[in-house]
Protein backbone atom coordinates (compact mmCIF):
# COMPACT_ATOMS: atom_id res chain seq x y z
CA MET A 1 -3.61 5.05 -20.00
CA SER A 2 -0.30 3.46 -19.72
CA ARG A 3 3.03 4.85 -20.15
CA THR A 4 6.65 3.99 -19.06
CA ASN A 5 7.75 4.72 -15.76
CA GLN A 6 11.16 6.02 -14.87
CA ASN A 7 10.57 5.10 -11.15
CA GLN A 8 11.03 2.09 -9.50
CA THR A 9 9.78 0.22 -7.11
CA GLU A 10 12.66 -0.83 -3.94
CA VAL A 11 11.46 -4.12 -2.18
CA THR A 12 13.79 -5.46 0.63
CA ALA A 13 13.11 -8.02 3.69
CA ASP A 14 15.28 -6.61 6.85
CA LYS A 15 17.65 -9.95 7.79
CA ASP A 16 17.43 -9.03 11.49
CA VAL A 17 13.84 -8.68 12.13
CA PRO A 18 10.58 -9.50 10.42
CA LEU A 19 9.96 -6.85 8.06
CA VAL A 20 9.27 -5.19 4.51
CA ARG A 21 10.61 -2.37 3.56
CA ILE A 22 9.13 -0.23 0.11
CA ILE A 23 10.58 2.56 -0.99
CA ARG A 24 8.68 4.44 -4.19
CA GLU A 25 9.32 8.07 -5.48
CA PHE A 26 6.35 9.76 -7.28
CA ASP A 27 5.91 12.16 -9.71
CA ALA A 28 3.61 14.26 -7.44
CA ALA A 29 3.56 16.71 -4.84
CA PRO A 30 3.09 14.38 -1.04
CA ASN A 31 -0.37 15.90 -0.60
CA LYS A 32 -1.37 13.91 -4.04
CA VAL A 33 0.08 11.05 -2.96
CA PHE A 34 -1.27 11.14 0.58
CA ARG A 35 -4.72 11.93 -1.16
CA ALA A 36 -4.22 8.62 -3.63
CA HIS A 37 -3.42 6.64 -0.04
CA THR A 38 -6.92 7.76 1.72
CA ASP A 39 -9.95 8.90 -1.02
CA PRO A 40 -11.22 5.28 -1.40
CA ASP A 41 -12.62 7.06 -4.82
CA LEU A 42 -8.64 6.63 -5.59
CA ILE A 43 -7.34 4.08 -4.32
CA THR A 44 -10.34 1.35 -6.10
CA GLN A 45 -8.24 2.77 -9.13
CA TRP A 46 -4.64 1.95 -8.72
CA LEU A 47 -4.15 -0.57 -5.28
CA GLY A 48 -2.94 -4.23 -6.09
CA PRO A 49 -2.39 -5.75 -9.63
CA ARG A 50 -4.65 -4.80 -12.64
CA ARG A 51 -6.30 -8.15 -12.92
CA HIS A 52 -8.09 -7.69 -9.67
CA THR A 53 -11.01 -5.59 -8.94
CA MET A 54 -11.55 -3.95 -5.81
CA LYS A 55 -14.96 -3.47 -3.31
CA ILE A 56 -14.59 -1.11 -0.55
CA ASP A 57 -16.46 -1.61 2.13
CA ARG A 58 -15.37 1.21 4.45
CA TYR A 59 -12.52 2.72 3.99
CA ASP A 60 -12.13 5.89 7.56
CA CYS A 61 -8.73 6.80 6.96
CA GLN A 62 -8.14 9.04 10.32
CA THR A 63 -6.43 8.36 13.61
CA GLY A 64 -9.09 5.54 15.20
CA GLY A 65 -10.40 4.68 11.61
CA ALA A 66 -10.67 1.56 10.17
CA PHE A 67 -10.89 -0.19 7.11
CA ARG A 68 -12.31 -3.16 5.02
CA TYR A 69 -11.89 -3.68 1.20
CA VAL A 70 -11.95 -6.96 -0.82
CA LEU A 71 -9.78 -7.96 -4.14
CA ALA A 72 -11.99 -10.31 -6.66
CA SER A 73 -9.77 -11.97 -9.73
CA ALA A 74 -11.24 -15.04 -11.30
CA GLY A 75 -13.86 -15.53 -9.45
CA ASN A 76 -11.69 -15.85 -6.16
CA GLU A 77 -11.78 -12.94 -3.47
CA PHE A 78 -9.57 -11.75 -0.85
CA GLY A 79 -10.39 -9.40 2.05
CA PHE A 80 -8.29 -7.33 3.68
CA HIS A 81 -9.04 -5.27 7.13
CA GLY A 82 -7.08 -2.87 9.55
CA SER A 83 -7.23 0.01 12.04
CA PHE A 84 -5.74 2.95 11.85
CA HIS A 85 -3.56 4.16 14.45
CA GLU A 86 -2.41 7.68 13.32
CA VAL A 87 -2.92 9.49 10.24
CA ARG A 88 -1.04 12.91 9.56
CA PRO A 89 -1.97 14.57 6.48
CA SER A 90 0.35 14.33 3.78
CA GLU A 91 3.18 13.04 6.14
CA LEU A 92 2.54 9.86 8.00
CA ILE A 93 -0.28 6.59 7.70
CA VAL A 94 0.34 3.59 10.57
CA GLN A 95 -2.45 1.05 10.32
CA THR A 96 -2.85 -2.44 11.08
CA LEU A 97 -3.46 -5.10 7.88
CA THR A 98 -4.74 -8.84 8.35
CA PHE A 99 -5.47 -10.88 5.55
CA GLU A 100 -8.76 -12.44 6.58
CA GLY A 101 -7.44 -15.49 4.92
CA GLN A 102 -5.09 -15.57 7.73
CA PRO A 103 -6.91 -14.06 10.38
CA ASP A 104 -4.00 -14.45 12.86
CA GLY A 105 -1.69 -12.36 11.01
CA VAL A 106 -1.45 -8.79 11.74
CA ALA A 107 0.48 -6.84 9.94
CA LEU A 108 1.97 -3.20 11.67
CA GLU A 109 2.71 -0.78 8.42
CA ARG A 110 3.54 2.73 8.46
CA LEU A 111 3.63 4.95 5.72
CA VAL A 112 6.00 8.00 5.42
CA PHE A 113 5.43 10.20 2.66
CA GLU A 114 8.75 12.56 2.46
CA ASP A 115 8.54 15.66 0.13
CA LEU A 116 11.32 15.64 -2.11
CA GLY A 117 10.83 19.22 -3.59
CA ASP A 118 10.33 20.27 -7.36
CA GLY A 119 6.64 18.74 -6.86
CA ARG A 120 8.28 14.92 -6.03
CA THR A 121 7.86 12.41 -3.14
CA ARG A 122 9.33 9.57 -1.47
CA LEU A 123 6.66 6.58 0.04
CA THR A 124 8.55 4.78 2.54
CA SER A 125 6.45 1.60 4.03
CA THR A 126 7.42 -0.63 6.42
CA SER A 127 5.59 -3.41 7.51
CA LEU A 128 5.88 -5.61 10.48
CA VAL A 129 4.92 -9.03 10.86
CA ASP A 130 5.04 -11.41 14.12
CA SER A 131 7.67 -13.88 12.18
CA PHE A 132 10.46 -14.53 9.68
CA GLU A 133 7.86 -17.41 7.89
CA GLU A 134 4.96 -15.07 8.02
CA ARG A 135 6.99 -12.32 5.73
CA ASP A 136 8.68 -14.97 3.82
CA ALA A 137 5.33 -16.40 2.54
CA TRP A 138 4.39 -12.73 1.98
CA VAL A 139 6.94 -11.69 -0.33
CA SER A 140 6.65 -15.55 -1.61
CA SER A 141 3.13 -14.82 -2.32
CA GLY A 142 3.73 -12.38 -5.59
CA MET A 143 3.37 -9.31 -2.96
CA GLU A 144 6.54 -7.53 -4.71
CA GLU A 145 4.52 -7.94 -8.06
CA GLY A 146 1.57 -6.63 -6.88
CA VAL A 147 3.08 -3.45 -5.48
CA THR A 148 5.06 -2.76 -8.49
CA GLU A 149 2.22 -2.89 -10.82
CA GLY A 150 -0.14 -1.27 -8.28
CA PHE A 151 2.47 1.87 -7.84
CA ASP A 152 2.60 1.79 -11.84
CA ARG A 153 -0.94 2.37 -12.12
CA LEU A 154 -0.86 5.35 -8.73
CA ASP A 155 2.13 7.25 -10.88
CA GLU A 156 -0.65 6.58 -13.62
CA LEU A 157 -3.72 8.58 -12.04
CA LEU A 158 -1.18 10.87 -10.79
CA ALA A 159 0.22 12.27 -14.27
CA PRO A 160 -0.78 15.23 -14.95
């Protein structure tokens, strides 16, 4: 299903710290947006660009849990893994994320689910990495396009 979306994805690189901030509003209540971030069956339906398929090895989204998944496209595979440090239903996820192609790089990510009322949610995601070089390489890798397309897919999944 494809539909026109009025919600825009805002991606900004902080000038003072090696951090990327992503803000997106959704026409769904926080519990639904949160569930789409924590249920492996839903995650495979929206995370990343359409050209990738996703295989989840494990996804234990609770405080102290861990995850690993692989995105595949055109014969290439890209593995990611991390740990969930704090998970509060419909409010907050704090996790680490490592791209296995760069195992020394670890992002600390914080996802805040803000109830805007009227069945709407603002998701604010911040990703802090070790250096400006690492952050800039991440941004220039096409991350913004992938995040935007993934969130468009999430809008489709959340549509009534």
